[in-house]
Amino acid sequence: MKFSSCAVGASWKGKGYTPSAGDFIFFDWNKDGQVDHVGIVVNVANGRVNTIEGNTSNMVARRSYQLGGIVIVGYGYI
């Protein structure tokens, strides 16, 4: 999958999908209907999706979210 912005890259599965390692995860931080951040899924464990994301406090960071969390819009996959 190639894309140049979150909105363009959002051809995906909805938030009810259980992602696999390497899938993209799309977020809507402002809850305004606009996709505004993307990360890469590392794994899913214990009801949480673990990610690696750039542009997180000006660095690359590991993050973790509850599956189906309100800021998760959906997942892209290759």
Protein backbone atom coordinates (compact mmCIF):
# COMPACT_ATOMS: atom_id res chain seq x y z
CA MET A 1 0.00 0.00 0.00
CA LYS A 2 1.38 3.43 -0.96
CA PHE A 3 -0.07 6.73 0.16
CA SER A 4 0.99 10.30 0.78
CA SER A 5 -1.43 11.32 3.52
CA CYS A 6 -3.59 9.65 6.14
CA ALA A 7 -6.79 10.51 4.29
CA VAL A 8 -5.50 9.06 1.00
CA GLY A 9 -4.13 5.92 2.66
CA ALA A 10 -7.39 5.13 4.33
CA SER A 11 -8.54 2.20 2.22
CA TRP A 12 -8.92 -0.20 5.01
CA LYS A 13 -10.81 -2.42 7.35
CA GLY A 14 -12.97 -0.80 10.02
CA LYS A 15 -12.14 -0.63 13.70
CA GLY A 16 -13.87 -3.99 14.32
CA TYR A 17 -11.09 -5.78 12.40
CA THR A 18 -8.36 -7.46 14.47
CA PRO A 19 -5.11 -6.25 12.88
CA SER A 20 -1.96 -8.23 12.18
CA ALA A 21 1.68 -7.22 12.54
CA GLY A 22 2.62 -4.85 9.72
CA ASP A 23 -0.88 -3.43 9.20
CA PHE A 24 -1.33 0.33 9.32
CA ILE A 25 -3.47 1.83 12.07
CA PHE A 26 -5.31 5.10 11.41
CA PHE A 27 -6.33 7.57 14.12
CA ASP A 28 -8.68 10.53 14.54
CA TRP A 29 -7.26 12.38 17.57
CA ASN A 30 -9.77 15.25 17.39
CA LYS A 31 -12.78 12.98 16.82
CA ASP A 32 -13.81 15.24 13.93
CA GLY A 33 -14.16 12.55 11.26
CA GLN A 34 -10.75 13.33 9.72
CA VAL A 35 -7.94 10.77 9.79
CA ASP A 36 -4.91 12.64 11.08
CA HIS A 37 -2.30 10.09 12.22
CA VAL A 38 -1.00 6.69 11.18
CA GLY A 39 1.16 4.04 12.85
CA ILE A 40 2.29 0.48 12.20
CA VAL A 41 0.87 -2.44 14.16
CA VAL A 42 3.52 -4.49 15.99
CA ASN A 43 1.11 -7.01 17.50
CA VAL A 44 -2.17 -7.52 19.33
CA ALA A 45 -2.07 -8.94 22.86
CA ASN A 46 -4.46 -8.96 25.81
CA GLY A 47 -7.07 -6.82 24.03
CA ARG A 48 -4.55 -4.14 23.09
CA VAL A 49 -2.98 -3.16 19.78
CA ASN A 50 0.70 -2.28 20.12
CA THR A 51 2.20 0.10 17.58
CA ILE A 52 5.26 1.98 16.41
CA GLU A 53 4.53 5.57 15.42
CA GLY A 54 6.57 8.46 14.14
CA ASN A 55 5.91 12.11 14.91
CA THR A 56 5.07 11.27 18.52
CA SER A 57 6.49 14.08 20.64
CA ASN A 58 9.09 14.58 17.87
CA MET A 59 10.32 10.99 17.99
CA VAL A 60 9.49 7.44 17.00
CA ALA A 61 7.75 5.67 19.88
CA ARG A 62 5.98 2.48 20.84
CA ARG A 63 2.36 3.02 21.88
CA SER A 64 -0.51 0.80 22.99
CA TYR A 65 -4.29 1.20 22.58
CA GLN A 66 -7.34 -0.80 23.57
CA LEU A 67 -8.77 -2.63 20.54
CA GLY A 68 -11.78 -0.67 19.27
CA GLY A 69 -10.63 2.47 21.12
CA ILE A 70 -12.44 5.69 20.28
CA VAL A 71 -9.46 7.34 18.50
CA ILE A 72 -8.90 4.32 16.20
CA VAL A 73 -10.61 4.78 12.85
CA GLY A 74 -9.48 1.56 11.19
CA TYR A 75 -6.62 -0.44 9.72
CA GLY A 76 -4.89 -0.58 6.37
CA TYR A 77 -3.26 -3.75 5.18
CA ILE A 78 -1.04 -4.86 2.35
